[in-house]
């Protein structure tokens, strides 16, 4: 495999798909050496097949707003690779959603799902719908219209979507209700992230954030340090940041910053349980303003408009919001302010220049496909519970999640350790790739 030749061909075939091309190049650069040690991979053209989705569904979503106006959006589902199992990946509702974004997310999902050691393939979907400022009734009508178009192409043994940016428990509820009505199937893992009591798993809302903190805890222990007293900066204030903040406080760390599109809230003395609970209200309000935290807790939180979480001094930086949200400039600011660990929790949360800066500074940096795998892992556990018509306790799910994250960390070290340093990016990419490549090889040219 020659990465430059493959990337040149992909750029010609998929011009302008910058997120997708960035994700592919990052993985191919990491795996090039080990790939070329396996001539059987080259003979079967594993990479050339792996970088193209199995199929992409694009569909019109027409719905009516509260004013009685007819609105039209575009919906998508990218089914990328099913070598390890049924397609699995979230749905994202955001005005910036396009094919390139979803192909990048679906490609990342292949390796993330592989790392969990669960039988899950990679996929992703969503729509260019903006839930900000919409009423519950509008969101319900949109979700139902979206599912009218998608339902025939999903199912627990075919493709199981979950939530992502703009799609939380409320949206999954509306989507699942429409799916059940159309498919006449109940207690099914066709969608995950459902609420407990009607098919959901305990710990699922917290799982991505919890899993991220379990991974970060191992990174910290690797340096013979502890989480106690560590200052953490989080971007975002949705489910992921909420779960991370919850577990960080349990571990004795201090979350000193959360951010949103409007700016950053610095919480000098560390976030409290009451403030963490309020994050759920902020998410449900559809206002998408982190300033609400400072309005609610003016003595504890200081809001600064236009700034990012990375402007606040911290020991651990964890981007939890969106792809490419942390730039090289942000990275240099964090390094200057003494950051010790960086872990992506959002998918591809750091720009290439930022990753290079962290690695040049010899800072432990871990990629999203490893750090945030706890969410999809617990979705996989939800599917298992649905198939058995059972519910595990929160403790049972958490123990399984913790083990999965520890196993992922160990795989990243196995493939990424060189001397006294660990390249977590390389380790995650190679570990995820090898399992998929071997499955594709065993299943023939299909």
Protein backbone atom coordinates (compact mmCIF):
# COMPACT_ATOMS: atom_id res chain seq x y z
CA UNK A 1 0.00 0.00 0.00
CA UNK A 2 1.20 3.48 -0.90
CA UNK A 3 -0.80 6.03 1.06
CA UNK A 4 -0.09 8.97 -1.27
CA UNK A 5 -1.34 7.05 -4.32
CA UNK A 6 -4.51 5.91 -2.56
CA UNK A 7 -5.24 9.40 -1.24
CA UNK A 8 -4.68 10.95 -4.67
CA UNK A 9 -7.19 8.53 -6.20
CA UNK A 10 -9.72 9.16 -3.42
CA UNK A 11 -9.39 12.94 -3.73
CA UNK A 12 -10.10 12.66 -7.45
CA UNK A 13 -13.10 10.39 -6.85
CA UNK A 14 -14.53 12.32 -3.87
CA UNK A 15 -13.49 15.98 -4.35
CA UNK A 16 -14.31 18.38 -1.53
CA UNK A 17 -15.09 15.68 1.05
CA UNK A 18 -12.50 17.07 3.46
CA UNK A 19 -13.63 15.39 6.70
CA UNK A 20 -13.82 11.96 5.08
CA UNK A 21 -10.44 12.33 3.36
CA UNK A 22 -8.83 13.57 6.59
CA UNK A 23 -10.12 10.56 8.54
CA UNK A 24 -8.97 8.07 5.90
CA UNK A 25 -5.48 9.57 5.62
CA UNK A 26 -4.97 9.57 9.40
CA UNK A 27 -5.76 5.84 9.59
CA UNK A 28 -3.78 4.84 6.49
CA UNK A 29 -0.63 6.63 7.64
CA UNK A 30 -0.85 4.77 10.97
CA UNK A 31 -1.35 1.31 9.48
CA UNK A 32 0.89 1.56 6.38
CA UNK A 33 3.86 -0.31 7.85
CA UNK A 34 1.90 -3.20 9.38
CA UNK A 35 -0.32 -3.44 6.30
CA UNK A 36 2.67 -3.87 4.01
CA UNK A 37 3.92 -6.70 6.23
CA UNK A 38 0.83 -8.68 5.16
CA UNK A 39 0.92 -9.31 1.38
CA UNK A 40 -2.39 -11.17 1.68
CA UNK A 41 -4.06 -7.84 2.56
CA UNK A 42 -2.66 -6.21 -0.56
CA UNK A 43 -3.68 -9.14 -2.77
CA UNK A 44 -7.28 -8.89 -1.51
CA UNK A 45 -7.20 -5.07 -1.84
CA UNK A 46 -8.42 -4.71 1.75
CA UNK A 47 -7.75 -0.96 1.98
CA UNK A 48 -9.30 -0.12 -1.38
CA UNK A 49 -12.47 -1.92 -0.28
CA UNK A 50 -12.40 -0.64 3.28
CA UNK A 51 -12.35 3.07 2.41
CA UNK A 52 -15.57 2.91 0.36
CA UNK A 53 -18.97 2.49 2.10
CA UNK A 54 -21.07 -0.57 1.32
CA UNK A 55 -23.95 1.79 0.52
CA UNK A 56 -25.35 5.26 1.23
CA UNK A 57 -29.04 6.08 1.53
CA UNK A 58 -30.04 9.70 0.85
CA UNK A 59 -33.64 10.76 1.31
CA UNK A 60 -35.93 13.78 1.58
CA UNK A 61 -37.49 14.46 4.98
CA UNK A 62 -40.63 16.60 4.76
CA UNK A 63 -42.34 17.80 7.93
CA UNK A 64 -44.61 20.62 9.15
CA UNK A 65 -43.52 23.21 11.74
CA UNK A 66 -45.70 24.81 14.41
CA UNK A 67 -46.67 27.62 12.04
CA UNK A 68 -48.12 25.10 9.62
CA UNK A 69 -45.26 25.64 7.15
CA UNK A 70 -43.91 22.71 5.15
CA UNK A 71 -40.17 22.18 5.73
CA UNK A 72 -37.74 19.95 3.83
CA UNK A 73 -34.43 18.51 5.00
CA UNK A 74 -32.05 15.86 3.71
CA UNK A 75 -31.58 12.61 5.62
CA UNK A 76 -28.76 10.08 5.23
CA UNK A 77 -27.63 6.67 6.39
CA UNK A 78 -24.12 5.46 5.54
CA UNK A 79 -23.68 1.69 5.95
CA UNK A 80 -19.91 1.47 5.79
CA UNK A 81 -18.59 -1.99 6.68
CA UNK A 82 -20.27 -5.09 8.11
CA UNK A 83 -17.31 -7.47 8.32
CA UNK A 84 -17.65 -7.79 12.11
CA UNK A 85 -21.43 -7.59 12.42
CA UNK A 86 -24.53 -5.49 11.77
CA UNK A 87 -23.91 -1.81 11.05
CA UNK A 88 -23.81 0.32 14.22
CA UNK A 89 -23.45 4.06 14.60
CA UNK A 90 -25.29 7.17 15.67
CA UNK A 91 -27.61 9.67 14.01
CA UNK A 92 -26.56 13.33 13.97
CA UNK A 93 -29.03 16.20 13.54
CA UNK A 94 -27.10 19.37 12.74
CA UNK A 95 -27.29 21.94 9.92
CA UNK A 96 -23.69 21.13 8.88
CA UNK A 97 -24.46 17.44 8.24
CA UNK A 98 -23.48 16.29 4.74
CA UNK A 99 -22.19 13.14 3.03
CA UNK A 100 -18.54 13.92 3.76
CA UNK A 101 -19.18 14.33 7.48
CA UNK A 102 -21.16 11.11 7.72
CA UNK A 103 -18.63 9.13 5.68
CA UNK A 104 -15.88 10.31 8.03
CA UNK A 105 -17.95 9.36 11.07
CA UNK A 106 -18.91 6.00 9.58
CA UNK A 107 -15.29 5.22 8.67
CA UNK A 108 -14.16 6.06 12.22
CA UNK A 109 -16.99 3.92 13.57
CA UNK A 110 -15.61 0.80 11.86
CA UNK A 111 -12.45 0.88 13.98
CA UNK A 112 -14.13 2.14 17.14
CA UNK A 113 -16.60 -0.75 17.02
CA UNK A 114 -13.78 -3.17 16.26
CA UNK A 115 -11.92 -2.04 19.39
CA UNK A 116 -14.88 -3.00 21.60
CA UNK A 117 -14.50 -6.67 20.55
CA UNK A 118 -18.28 -6.78 20.08
CA UNK A 119 -19.86 -8.05 16.81
CA UNK A 120 -20.56 -4.59 15.40
CA UNK A 121 -19.94 -3.15 11.95
CA UNK A 122 -19.55 0.56 11.19
CA UNK A 123 -22.21 3.02 10.07
CA UNK A 124 -23.51 6.56 10.62
CA UNK A 125 -26.45 8.72 9.66
CA UNK A 126 -28.34 11.91 10.29
CA UNK A 127 -29.89 14.97 8.72
CA UNK A 128 -29.19 18.67 8.15
CA UNK A 129 -31.99 19.45 10.61
CA UNK A 130 -31.24 21.97 13.36
CA UNK A 131 -33.04 21.11 16.63
CA UNK A 132 -31.96 24.41 18.23
CA UNK A 133 -35.03 26.49 19.09
CA UNK A 134 -37.49 23.85 17.90
CA UNK A 135 -40.47 22.83 20.03
CA UNK A 136 -40.95 19.27 21.24
CA UNK A 137 -43.82 18.89 18.78
CA UNK A 138 -41.64 20.00 15.86
CA UNK A 139 -38.86 17.62 16.87
CA UNK A 140 -41.38 14.78 17.16
CA UNK A 141 -42.79 15.46 13.69
CA UNK A 142 -39.32 15.64 12.18
CA UNK A 143 -38.21 12.39 13.84
CA UNK A 144 -41.33 10.60 12.63
CA UNK A 145 -40.84 11.88 9.07
CA UNK A 146 -37.17 10.82 9.19
CA UNK A 147 -38.09 7.30 10.33
CA UNK A 148 -40.76 6.92 7.61
CA UNK A 149 -37.88 6.92 5.13
CA UNK A 150 -35.33 4.89 7.09
CA UNK A 151 -37.21 2.11 8.87
CA UNK A 152 -36.96 -0.58 6.18
CA UNK A 153 -33.16 -0.36 6.18
CA UNK A 154 -32.54 -0.82 9.90
CA UNK A 155 -33.04 -3.57 12.48
CA UNK A 156 -31.11 -5.26 15.30
CA UNK A 157 -29.41 -7.71 12.91
CA UNK A 158 -29.15 -5.27 9.99
CA UNK A 159 -28.29 -1.76 11.17
CA UNK A 160 -28.84 -0.27 14.62
CA UNK A 161 -28.64 3.55 14.88
CA UNK A 162 -28.15 5.42 18.16
CA UNK A 163 -27.85 9.06 19.18
CA UNK A 164 -25.14 11.59 18.42
CA UNK A 165 -24.94 15.38 18.24
CA UNK A 166 -28.50 16.75 18.29
CA UNK A 167 -30.00 13.34 18.98
CA UNK A 168 -30.51 12.53 22.67
CA UNK A 169 -33.01 10.49 24.66
CA UNK A 170 -35.99 12.57 23.51
CA UNK A 171 -35.18 12.17 19.83
CA UNK A 172 -34.46 8.43 20.19
CA UNK A 173 -37.86 8.08 21.89
CA UNK A 174 -39.69 9.68 18.97
CA UNK A 175 -37.64 7.72 16.40
CA UNK A 176 -38.21 4.42 18.20
CA UNK A 177 -41.93 5.07 18.60
CA UNK A 178 -42.24 5.61 14.84
CA UNK A 179 -40.11 2.53 14.10
CA UNK A 180 -42.29 0.29 16.30
CA UNK A 181 -45.44 1.59 14.64
CA UNK A 182 -44.08 0.95 11.14
CA UNK A 183 -42.19 -2.32 11.69
CA UNK A 184 -44.60 -3.79 14.27
CA UNK A 185 -41.62 -4.97 16.28
CA UNK A 186 -41.21 -4.44 20.01
CA UNK A 187 -38.42 -4.82 22.59
CA UNK A 188 -35.90 -4.56 19.79
CA UNK A 189 -32.35 -3.29 19.44
CA UNK A 190 -33.19 -1.59 16.14
CA UNK A 191 -32.29 1.65 17.90
CA UNK A 192 -30.18 2.08 21.02
CA UNK A 193 -29.96 4.84 23.56
CA UNK A 194 -33.57 4.19 24.55
CA UNK A 195 -34.77 5.16 28.00
CA UNK A 196 -34.78 2.59 30.77
CA UNK A 197 -38.19 0.98 31.15
CA UNK A 198 -38.89 0.52 27.45
CA UNK A 199 -35.82 -1.24 26.15
CA UNK A 200 -33.00 1.03 27.26
CA UNK A 201 -29.96 0.06 29.28
CA UNK A 202 -28.90 1.57 32.56
CA UNK A 203 -25.70 3.63 32.26
CA UNK A 204 -26.25 4.20 28.49
CA UNK A 205 -26.74 8.00 28.72
CA UNK A 206 -23.55 8.31 30.78
CA UNK A 207 -21.60 5.62 28.93
CA UNK A 208 -19.53 7.71 26.49
CA UNK A 209 -18.41 10.08 29.23
CA UNK A 210 -17.88 7.30 31.78
CA UNK A 211 -15.87 5.25 29.30
CA UNK A 212 -13.75 8.26 28.38
CA UNK A 213 -12.85 8.84 32.02
CA UNK A 214 -11.96 5.15 32.50
CA UNK A 215 -9.58 5.46 29.54
CA UNK A 216 -8.09 8.75 30.76
CA UNK A 217 -7.61 7.26 34.23
CA UNK A 218 -5.39 4.58 32.65
CA UNK A 219 -3.40 7.26 30.78
CA UNK A 220 -2.83 9.08 34.06
CA UNK A 221 -1.84 5.87 35.89
CA UNK A 222 0.63 5.12 33.09
CA UNK A 223 2.51 8.22 34.25
CA UNK A 224 2.36 7.06 37.89
CA UNK A 225 -0.13 9.82 38.75
CA UNK A 226 -3.72 9.82 40.07
CA UNK A 227 -6.93 11.57 39.05
CA UNK A 228 -7.36 13.23 42.44
CA UNK A 229 -7.21 17.00 42.10
CA UNK A 230 -6.58 16.96 38.35
CA UNK A 231 -8.13 19.98 36.61
CA UNK A 232 -10.18 19.04 33.55
CA UNK A 233 -11.47 21.24 30.71
CA UNK A 234 -14.41 19.87 28.70
CA UNK A 235 -15.92 21.29 25.54
CA UNK A 236 -19.67 20.99 25.13
CA UNK A 237 -22.37 20.42 27.74
CA UNK A 238 -24.41 17.60 26.20
CA UNK A 239 -24.67 13.96 27.23
CA UNK A 240 -20.99 13.25 26.61
CA UNK A 241 -19.62 16.14 28.66
CA UNK A 242 -22.28 15.48 31.31
CA UNK A 243 -21.21 11.85 31.69
CA UNK A 244 -17.51 12.79 31.74
CA UNK A 245 -18.11 15.48 34.38
CA UNK A 246 -20.11 13.06 36.53
CA UNK A 247 -17.40 10.38 36.52
CA UNK A 248 -14.55 12.92 36.85
CA UNK A 249 -16.04 14.26 40.09
CA UNK A 250 -16.47 10.69 41.37
CA UNK A 251 -12.77 10.13 40.68
CA UNK A 252 -11.80 13.20 42.69
CA UNK A 253 -10.92 15.40 39.72
CA UNK A 254 -12.09 19.00 39.20
CA UNK A 255 -13.92 20.06 36.04
CA UNK A 256 -12.88 23.70 35.71
CA UNK A 257 -14.37 24.53 32.29
CA UNK A 258 -17.27 23.65 29.99
CA UNK A 259 -17.98 25.44 26.73
CA UNK A 260 -20.58 25.99 24.03
CA UNK A 261 -20.88 27.76 20.68
CA UNK A 262 -21.36 31.06 22.55
CA UNK A 263 -18.25 30.86 24.77
CA UNK A 264 -16.80 29.22 27.87
CA UNK A 265 -17.79 28.92 31.52
CA UNK A 266 -14.82 28.81 33.87
CA UNK A 267 -15.62 27.05 37.14
CA UNK A 268 -12.63 27.87 39.29
CA UNK A 269 -13.48 25.62 42.26
CA UNK A 270 -14.71 22.73 40.12
CA UNK A 271 -18.16 21.74 38.91
CA UNK A 272 -20.66 20.57 41.55
CA UNK A 273 -23.33 17.85 41.37
CA UNK A 274 -26.04 20.52 41.19
CA UNK A 275 -24.29 22.11 38.22
CA UNK A 276 -23.86 18.72 36.51
CA UNK A 277 -27.60 18.07 36.91
CA UNK A 278 -28.30 21.49 35.39
CA UNK A 279 -26.34 20.49 32.26
CA UNK A 280 -29.26 18.17 31.40
CA UNK A 281 -31.68 21.10 31.60
CA UNK A 282 -29.39 23.16 29.38
CA UNK A 283 -29.36 20.41 26.77
CA UNK A 284 -33.16 19.96 26.92
CA UNK A 285 -33.81 23.70 26.52
CA UNK A 286 -32.60 23.68 22.87
CA UNK A 287 -30.99 27.10 23.50
CA UNK A 288 -27.45 25.71 23.03
CA UNK A 289 -25.96 28.42 25.28
CA UNK A 290 -23.36 27.61 27.93
CA UNK A 291 -23.91 31.10 29.35
CA UNK A 292 -27.02 29.66 31.03
CA UNK A 293 -24.71 27.92 33.53
CA UNK A 294 -23.23 31.25 34.65
CA UNK A 295 -26.70 32.80 34.82
CA UNK A 296 -27.90 29.97 37.05
CA UNK A 297 -24.73 29.85 39.21
CA UNK A 298 -23.25 33.37 39.02
CA UNK A 299 -20.96 32.91 42.03
CA UNK A 300 -19.42 29.66 40.83
CA UNK A 301 -19.20 30.05 37.03
CA UNK A 302 -17.72 32.89 35.02
CA UNK A 303 -18.85 33.18 31.38
CA UNK A 304 -16.61 34.60 28.66
CA UNK A 305 -18.15 35.07 25.23
CA UNK A 306 -16.26 33.85 22.16
CA UNK A 307 -13.65 31.83 24.09
CA UNK A 308 -13.10 28.06 24.10
CA UNK A 309 -12.57 25.68 26.99
CA UNK A 310 -8.88 25.54 26.03
CA UNK A 311 -8.37 29.11 27.24
CA UNK A 312 -8.72 27.83 30.84
CA UNK A 313 -5.63 26.33 32.50
CA UNK A 314 -6.03 22.59 33.03
CA UNK A 315 -4.19 19.31 33.50
CA UNK A 316 -6.45 17.31 31.18
CA UNK A 317 -8.14 18.60 28.01
CA UNK A 318 -11.09 16.62 26.63
CA UNK A 319 -12.88 17.85 23.49
CA UNK A 320 -16.44 16.47 23.76
CA UNK A 321 -18.41 18.44 21.17
CA UNK A 322 -17.60 18.33 17.44
CA UNK A 323 -15.00 17.27 14.89
CA UNK A 324 -11.95 19.50 14.35
CA UNK A 325 -12.97 21.70 17.28
CA UNK A 326 -9.45 21.95 18.74
CA UNK A 327 -7.01 23.78 16.46
CA UNK A 328 -3.22 23.98 16.41
CA UNK A 329 -3.50 27.42 18.01
CA UNK A 330 -5.63 25.92 20.79
CA UNK A 331 -3.10 23.14 21.25
CA UNK A 332 -0.23 25.58 21.61
CA UNK A 333 -2.24 27.54 24.21
CA UNK A 334 -2.90 24.35 26.19
CA UNK A 335 0.77 23.35 26.03
CA UNK A 336 1.84 26.81 27.15
CA UNK A 337 -0.60 26.61 30.08
CA UNK A 338 0.83 23.26 31.23
CA UNK A 339 -1.67 20.65 30.03
CA UNK A 340 -0.48 17.11 30.82
CA UNK A 341 -2.95 14.85 28.98
CA UNK A 342 -5.26 15.26 25.98
CA UNK A 343 -8.02 12.81 25.08
CA UNK A 344 -10.48 13.27 22.22
CA UNK A 345 -14.00 12.35 23.25
CA UNK A 346 -15.66 13.84 20.17
CA UNK A 347 -14.91 12.03 16.90
CA UNK A 348 -11.76 13.50 15.30
CA UNK A 349 -12.04 16.39 17.77
CA UNK A 350 -8.53 17.67 17.10
CA UNK A 351 -7.22 19.09 13.85
CA UNK A 352 -4.08 17.41 12.40
CA UNK A 353 -1.91 20.39 13.39
CA UNK A 354 -3.13 20.12 16.99
CA UNK A 355 -2.31 16.41 17.17
CA UNK A 356 1.16 17.07 15.73
CA UNK A 357 1.72 19.79 18.34
CA UNK A 358 0.75 17.51 21.23
CA UNK A 359 2.91 14.69 19.93
CA UNK A 360 5.87 17.01 19.34
CA UNK A 361 5.53 18.18 22.96
CA UNK A 362 5.57 14.48 23.97
CA UNK A 363 2.17 14.77 25.65
CA UNK A 364 0.00 11.66 25.97
CA UNK A 365 -2.69 12.10 23.30
CA UNK A 366 -5.48 9.56 22.68
CA UNK A 367 -7.89 9.52 19.70
CA UNK A 368 -11.69 9.56 19.82
CA UNK A 369 -12.13 6.11 18.29
CA UNK A 370 -10.58 4.64 21.46
CA UNK A 371 -11.57 7.18 24.11
CA UNK A 372 -15.26 7.47 23.20
CA UNK A 373 -15.90 3.80 22.42
CA UNK A 374 -17.80 3.37 25.71
CA UNK A 375 -20.95 4.75 24.12
CA UNK A 376 -21.16 2.24 21.30
CA UNK A 377 -19.96 -0.53 23.62
CA UNK A 378 -22.91 0.08 25.94
CA UNK A 379 -25.21 0.28 22.92
CA UNK A 380 -23.96 -3.20 22.04
CA UNK A 381 -24.78 -4.30 25.58
CA UNK A 382 -28.26 -2.76 25.15
CA UNK A 383 -28.81 -4.89 22.04
CA UNK A 384 -27.82 -7.99 24.03
CA UNK A 385 -30.32 -7.14 26.76
CA UNK A 386 -33.06 -6.53 24.20
CA UNK A 387 -32.35 -9.87 22.49
CA UNK A 388 -32.62 -11.69 25.82
CA UNK A 389 -35.62 -9.62 27.03
CA UNK A 390 -33.71 -8.82 30.22
CA UNK A 391 -32.30 -5.82 32.07
CA UNK A 392 -28.93 -5.82 33.77
CA UNK A 393 -28.35 -3.71 36.86
CA UNK A 394 -26.38 -0.48 36.61
CA UNK A 395 -23.50 -2.19 38.41
CA UNK A 396 -23.47 -5.08 35.92
CA UNK A 397 -23.41 -2.73 32.93
CA UNK A 398 -20.75 -0.51 34.49
CA UNK A 399 -18.48 -3.48 35.23
CA UNK A 400 -18.77 -4.64 31.61
CA UNK A 401 -18.14 -1.09 30.32
CA UNK A 402 -15.09 -0.68 32.55
CA UNK A 403 -13.63 -3.97 31.32
CA UNK A 404 -14.20 -3.06 27.67
CA UNK A 405 -12.44 0.30 28.14
CA UNK A 406 -9.53 -1.35 29.96
CA UNK A 407 -9.22 -3.90 27.14
CA UNK A 408 -9.24 -1.09 24.55
CA UNK A 409 -6.52 0.72 26.45
CA UNK A 410 -4.42 -2.45 26.62
CA UNK A 411 -4.78 -2.99 22.85
CA UNK A 412 -3.71 0.59 22.15
CA UNK A 413 -0.61 0.07 24.29
CA UNK A 414 0.14 -3.30 22.66
CA UNK A 415 0.19 -1.83 19.16
CA UNK A 416 1.36 1.70 20.03
CA UNK A 417 4.17 1.25 22.55
CA UNK A 418 7.67 2.02 21.38
CA UNK A 419 10.33 2.17 24.06
CA UNK A 420 9.13 4.39 26.87
CA UNK A 421 6.51 6.18 24.77
CA UNK A 422 3.00 5.20 23.66
CA UNK A 423 1.52 6.40 20.36
CA UNK A 424 -2.17 5.96 21.26
CA UNK A 425 -3.29 7.05 17.78
CA UNK A 426 -1.21 4.42 16.02
CA UNK A 427 -2.12 1.79 18.59
CA UNK A 428 -5.87 2.38 18.22
CA UNK A 429 -5.78 2.46 14.44
CA UNK A 430 -3.73 -0.73 14.06
CA UNK A 431 -5.67 -2.66 16.71
CA UNK A 432 -9.01 -1.69 15.15
CA UNK A 433 -7.84 -2.32 11.60
CA UNK A 434 -6.32 -5.77 12.14
CA UNK A 435 -9.56 -7.29 13.42
CA UNK A 436 -11.57 -5.90 10.50
CA UNK A 437 -8.96 -6.83 7.88
CA UNK A 438 -8.74 -10.43 9.07
CA UNK A 439 -12.54 -10.74 8.99
CA UNK A 440 -12.72 -9.32 5.46
CA UNK A 441 -9.99 -11.71 4.32
CA UNK A 442 -11.75 -14.71 5.83
CA UNK A 443 -15.12 -13.81 4.26
CA UNK A 444 -13.86 -13.55 0.71
CA UNK A 445 -14.31 -10.94 -1.98
CA UNK A 446 -17.84 -9.69 -1.42
